[in-house]
Amino acid sequence: MALQRRHLGIVGIGALAFVGSGIGFAALAQSADETAVAKAVEAFRDAMLKKDKAAFEKLCAEEMSYGHSAGRMETKAQFIADATGTRSEWKSITLSDASVQIVGTNAIARHKLTGETLSEGKTNAINIGILMVWTKQGADWKLLARQAYRL
């Protein structure tokens, strides 16, 4: 069968529909590991909102170092106790300007985090930058280090 212009036109329209659907460039640009890390970042965000101890246990490496924007540093155990405790709670979390870079068996994920927390009866607006270092352990990506910084 000879390739005709109309065949090329149909293929071109299909490609434009794929790109226009929102799947296009992002799906084509991300590797499987980048996609997996992005999903892990989203799972971490969801665990923060739900105070999900089991999710944190699964997502965090034993050696994790967690840095808050105010300078407080926590181990995995300290972070999970604080994140699932009663001191404060996340009302909303939005991540933007996200990027993931794979470096061997590690990944660097960056994003801006905006949201609101409720602490001691007061609602607090949050607007910080986040740097996360993920490491591949077996088939899973685990959070090894996280540092928040003021924007």
C-alpha atoms as a PDB file:
ATOM      1  CA  MET A   1       0.000   0.000   0.000  1.00  0.00           C
ATOM      2  CA  ALA A   2       1.401   3.384  -0.989  1.00  0.00           C
ATOM      3  CA  LEU A   3       1.603   6.117   1.598  1.00  0.00           C
ATOM      4  CA  GLN A   4      -0.596   8.999   0.536  1.00  0.00           C
ATOM      5  CA  ARG A   5      -1.016  12.543   1.775  1.00  0.00           C
ATOM      6  CA  ARG A   6      -4.286  11.743   3.481  1.00  0.00           C
ATOM      7  CA  HIS A   7      -2.517   9.061   5.572  1.00  0.00           C
ATOM      8  CA  LEU A   8       0.013  11.636   6.708  1.00  0.00           C
ATOM      9  CA  GLY A   9      -2.818  14.061   7.468  1.00  0.00           C
ATOM     10  CA  ILE A  10      -4.599  11.487   9.629  1.00  0.00           C
ATOM     11  CA  VAL A  11      -1.398  10.717  11.528  1.00  0.00           C
ATOM     12  CA  GLY A  12      -0.734  14.453  11.976  1.00  0.00           C
ATOM     13  CA  ILE A  13      -4.238  15.095  13.315  1.00  0.00           C
ATOM     14  CA  GLY A  14      -3.839  12.190  15.735  1.00  0.00           C
ATOM     15  CA  ALA A  15      -0.529  13.564  16.983  1.00  0.00           C
ATOM     16  CA  LEU A  16      -2.019  17.030  17.475  1.00  0.00           C
ATOM     17  CA  ALA A  17      -4.962  15.549  19.375  1.00  0.00           C
ATOM     18  CA  PHE A  18      -2.529  13.645  21.623  1.00  0.00           C
ATOM     19  CA  VAL A  19      -0.463  16.750  22.381  1.00  0.00           C
ATOM     20  CA  GLY A  20      -3.554  18.929  22.724  1.00  0.00           C
ATOM     21  CA  SER A  21      -5.111  16.528  25.215  1.00  0.00           C
ATOM     22  CA  GLY A  22      -2.599  17.588  27.874  1.00  0.00           C
ATOM     23  CA  ILE A  23      -0.872  14.206  27.811  1.00  0.00           C
ATOM     24  CA  GLY A  24       1.472  15.208  25.018  1.00  0.00           C
ATOM     25  CA  PHE A  25       4.700  16.951  25.933  1.00  0.00           C
ATOM     26  CA  ALA A  26       4.780  15.976  29.613  1.00  0.00           C
ATOM     27  CA  ALA A  27       4.203  12.304  28.890  1.00  0.00           C
ATOM     28  CA  LEU A  28       6.747  12.283  26.093  1.00  0.00           C
ATOM     29  CA  ALA A  29       9.353  14.163  28.123  1.00  0.00           C
ATOM     30  CA  GLN A  30       9.244  12.113  31.335  1.00  0.00           C
ATOM     31  CA  SER A  31      11.075   8.838  31.828  1.00  0.00           C
ATOM     32  CA  ALA A  32       9.485   6.024  33.830  1.00  0.00           C
ATOM     33  CA  ASP A  33      11.635   6.962  36.856  1.00  0.00           C
ATOM     34  CA  GLU A  34      10.724  10.655  36.604  1.00  0.00           C
ATOM     35  CA  THR A  35       7.048   9.696  36.487  1.00  0.00           C
ATOM     36  CA  ALA A  36       7.475   7.370  39.491  1.00  0.00           C
ATOM     37  CA  VAL A  37       9.188  10.106  41.528  1.00  0.00           C
ATOM     38  CA  ALA A  38       6.476  12.618  40.595  1.00  0.00           C
ATOM     39  CA  LYS A  39       3.888  10.096  41.816  1.00  0.00           C
ATOM     40  CA  ALA A  40       5.851   9.624  45.057  1.00  0.00           C
ATOM     41  CA  VAL A  41       5.895  13.409  45.603  1.00  0.00           C
ATOM     42  CA  GLU A  42       2.115  13.479  45.103  1.00  0.00           C
ATOM     43  CA  ALA A  43       1.671  10.519  47.478  1.00  0.00           C
ATOM     44  CA  PHE A  44       3.752  12.420  50.063  1.00  0.00           C
ATOM     45  CA  ARG A  45       1.533  15.516  49.625  1.00  0.00           C
ATOM     46  CA  ASP A  46      -1.558  13.345  50.081  1.00  0.00           C
ATOM     47  CA  ALA A  47      -0.075  11.717  53.206  1.00  0.00           C
ATOM     48  CA  MET A  48       0.582  15.191  54.665  1.00  0.00           C
ATOM     49  CA  LEU A  49      -3.065  16.146  54.189  1.00  0.00           C
ATOM     50  CA  LYS A  50      -4.356  12.861  55.628  1.00  0.00           C
ATOM     51  CA  LYS A  51      -1.736  12.492  58.396  1.00  0.00           C
ATOM     52  CA  ASP A  52      -1.193   8.988  57.013  1.00  0.00           C
ATOM     53  CA  LYS A  53       1.471   7.277  59.137  1.00  0.00           C
ATOM     54  CA  ALA A  54       1.512   4.083  57.035  1.00  0.00           C
ATOM     55  CA  ALA A  55       2.095   6.090  53.849  1.00  0.00           C
ATOM     56  CA  PHE A  56       4.949   8.040  55.471  1.00  0.00           C
ATOM     57  CA  GLU A  57       6.552   4.791  56.674  1.00  0.00           C
ATOM     58  CA  LYS A  58       6.444   3.446  53.118  1.00  0.00           C
ATOM     59  CA  LEU A  59       7.622   6.675  51.414  1.00  0.00           C
ATOM     60  CA  CYS A  60      10.490   7.660  53.749  1.00  0.00           C
ATOM     61  CA  ALA A  61      13.942   6.074  53.882  1.00  0.00           C
ATOM     62  CA  GLU A  62      15.163   5.060  57.349  1.00  0.00           C
ATOM     63  CA  GLU A  63      18.041   7.564  57.020  1.00  0.00           C
ATOM     64  CA  MET A  64      15.774  10.477  56.064  1.00  0.00           C
ATOM     65  CA  SER A  65      16.702  14.022  57.086  1.00  0.00           C
ATOM     66  CA  TYR A  66      13.757  16.445  57.071  1.00  0.00           C
ATOM     67  CA  GLY A  67      14.439  20.190  57.188  1.00  0.00           C
ATOM     68  CA  HIS A  68      11.742  22.770  57.901  1.00  0.00           C
ATOM     69  CA  SER A  69      11.848  26.297  56.508  1.00  0.00           C
ATOM     70  CA  ALA A  70      12.308  27.651  60.048  1.00  0.00           C
ATOM     71  CA  GLY A  71      15.513  25.611  60.407  1.00  0.00           C
ATOM     72  CA  ARG A  72      14.227  22.709  62.519  1.00  0.00           C
ATOM     73  CA  MET A  73      15.706  19.343  61.488  1.00  0.00           C
ATOM     74  CA  GLU A  74      14.022  15.971  62.051  1.00  0.00           C
ATOM     75  CA  THR A  75      14.781  12.286  61.618  1.00  0.00           C
ATOM     76  CA  LYS A  76      12.241   9.962  60.008  1.00  0.00           C
ATOM     77  CA  ALA A  77      10.733   9.050  63.389  1.00  0.00           C
ATOM     78  CA  GLN A  78      10.560  12.676  64.544  1.00  0.00           C
ATOM     79  CA  PHE A  79       9.016  13.813  61.257  1.00  0.00           C
ATOM     80  CA  ILE A  80       6.340  11.108  61.254  1.00  0.00           C
ATOM     81  CA  ALA A  81       5.449  11.795  64.903  1.00  0.00           C
ATOM     82  CA  ASP A  82       5.119  15.517  64.160  1.00  0.00           C
ATOM     83  CA  ALA A  83       3.290  15.103  60.827  1.00  0.00           C
ATOM     84  CA  THR A  84       0.721  12.720  62.300  1.00  0.00           C
ATOM     85  CA  GLY A  85       0.421  14.452  65.681  1.00  0.00           C
ATOM     86  CA  THR A  86      -2.005  17.095  66.899  1.00  0.00           C
ATOM     87  CA  ARG A  87       0.269  20.181  66.903  1.00  0.00           C
ATOM     88  CA  SER A  88      -0.971  21.351  63.495  1.00  0.00           C
ATOM     89  CA  GLU A  89      -2.845  20.119  60.470  1.00  0.00           C
ATOM     90  CA  TRP A  90      -2.756  20.911  56.776  1.00  0.00           C
ATOM     91  CA  LYS A  91      -5.997  22.369  55.404  1.00  0.00           C
ATOM     92  CA  SER A  92      -4.697  22.568  51.823  1.00  0.00           C
ATOM     93  CA  ILE A  93      -1.476  21.941  49.902  1.00  0.00           C
ATOM     94  CA  THR A  94      -0.805  22.951  46.301  1.00  0.00           C
ATOM     95  CA  LEU A  95       2.435  22.102  44.528  1.00  0.00           C
ATOM     96  CA  SER A  96       3.580  24.125  41.512  1.00  0.00           C
ATOM     97  CA  ASP A  97       6.658  24.662  39.339  1.00  0.00           C
ATOM     98  CA  ALA A  98       7.623  21.018  39.846  1.00  0.00           C
ATOM     99  CA  SER A  99      10.703  19.420  38.334  1.00  0.00           C
ATOM    100  CA  VAL A 100      12.324  16.005  38.662  1.00  0.00           C
ATOM    101  CA  GLN A 101      15.879  15.131  37.665  1.00  0.00           C
ATOM    102  CA  ILE A 102      17.150  11.553  37.826  1.00  0.00           C
ATOM    103  CA  VAL A 103      20.812  11.172  38.841  1.00  0.00           C
ATOM    104  CA  GLY A 104      21.753   7.483  38.855  1.00  0.00           C
ATOM    105  CA  THR A 105      19.713   5.825  41.614  1.00  0.00           C
ATOM    106  CA  ASN A 106      18.773   9.195  43.111  1.00  0.00           C
ATOM    107  CA  ALA A 107      16.330  11.875  42.080  1.00  0.00           C
ATOM    108  CA  ILE A 108      16.144  15.598  42.794  1.00  0.00           C
ATOM    109  CA  ALA A 109      12.594  16.921  43.001  1.00  0.00           C
ATOM    110  CA  ARG A 110      11.850  20.618  43.413  1.00  0.00           C
ATOM    111  CA  HIS A 111       8.580  22.511  43.718  1.00  0.00           C
ATOM    112  CA  LYS A 112       6.845  25.437  45.330  1.00  0.00           C
ATOM    113  CA  LEU A 113       4.386  24.585  48.087  1.00  0.00           C
ATOM    114  CA  THR A 114       1.496  26.850  48.960  1.00  0.00           C
ATOM    115  CA  GLY A 115      -1.266  26.014  51.370  1.00  0.00           C
ATOM    116  CA  GLU A 116      -2.808  26.584  54.746  1.00  0.00           C
ATOM    117  CA  THR A 117      -2.223  25.001  58.131  1.00  0.00           C
ATOM    118  CA  LEU A 118      -4.309  25.157  61.270  1.00  0.00           C
ATOM    119  CA  SER A 119      -2.211  25.459  64.422  1.00  0.00           C
ATOM    120  CA  GLU A 120      -3.408  26.482  67.889  1.00  0.00           C
ATOM    121  CA  GLY A 121      -6.696  27.655  66.416  1.00  0.00           C
ATOM    122  CA  LYS A 122      -4.998  29.935  63.872  1.00  0.00           C
ATOM    123  CA  THR A 123      -4.938  29.497  60.100  1.00  0.00           C
ATOM    124  CA  ASN A 124      -1.494  30.139  58.632  1.00  0.00           C
ATOM    125  CA  ALA A 125      -0.685  30.745  54.969  1.00  0.00           C
ATOM    126  CA  ILE A 126       2.324  28.778  53.736  1.00  0.00           C
ATOM    127  CA  ASN A 127       4.446  29.727  50.695  1.00  0.00           C
ATOM    128  CA  ILE A 128       7.776  27.887  50.576  1.00  0.00           C
ATOM    129  CA  GLY A 129      10.191  26.223  48.211  1.00  0.00           C
ATOM    130  CA  ILE A 130      10.980  22.528  48.592  1.00  0.00           C
ATOM    131  CA  LEU A 131      13.982  20.434  47.607  1.00  0.00           C
ATOM    132  CA  MET A 132      13.536  16.672  47.960  1.00  0.00           C
ATOM    133  CA  VAL A 133      16.153  13.986  47.353  1.00  0.00           C
ATOM    134  CA  TRP A 134      14.689  10.568  46.588  1.00  0.00           C
ATOM    135  CA  THR A 135      16.674   7.340  46.394  1.00  0.00           C
ATOM    136  CA  LYS A 136      15.677   4.148  44.637  1.00  0.00           C
ATOM    137  CA  GLN A 137      15.577   1.205  47.027  1.00  0.00           C
ATOM    138  CA  GLY A 138      14.599  -1.941  45.171  1.00  0.00           C
ATOM    139  CA  ALA A 139      11.663  -0.961  42.990  1.00  0.00           C
ATOM    140  CA  ASP A 140      10.536   1.903  45.249  1.00  0.00           C
ATOM    141  CA  TRP A 141      11.540   5.551  45.500  1.00  0.00           C
ATOM    142  CA  LYS A 142      12.136   6.629  49.114  1.00  0.00           C
ATOM    143  CA  LEU A 143      12.533  10.154  50.451  1.00  0.00           C
ATOM    144  CA  LEU A 144      16.111  10.504  51.690  1.00  0.00           C
ATOM    145  CA  ALA A 145      16.249  14.258  52.343  1.00  0.00           C
ATOM    146  CA  ARG A 146      13.879  17.178  52.233  1.00  0.00           C
ATOM    147  CA  GLN A 147      14.648  20.840  52.789  1.00  0.00           C
ATOM    148  CA  ALA A 148      12.113  23.651  52.786  1.00  0.00           C
ATOM    149  CA  TYR A 149      13.179  27.262  52.293  1.00  0.00           C
ATOM    150  CA  ARG A 150      11.450  30.605  52.448  1.00  0.00           C
ATOM    151  CA  LEU A 151      10.623  32.287  49.178  1.00  0.00           C
END
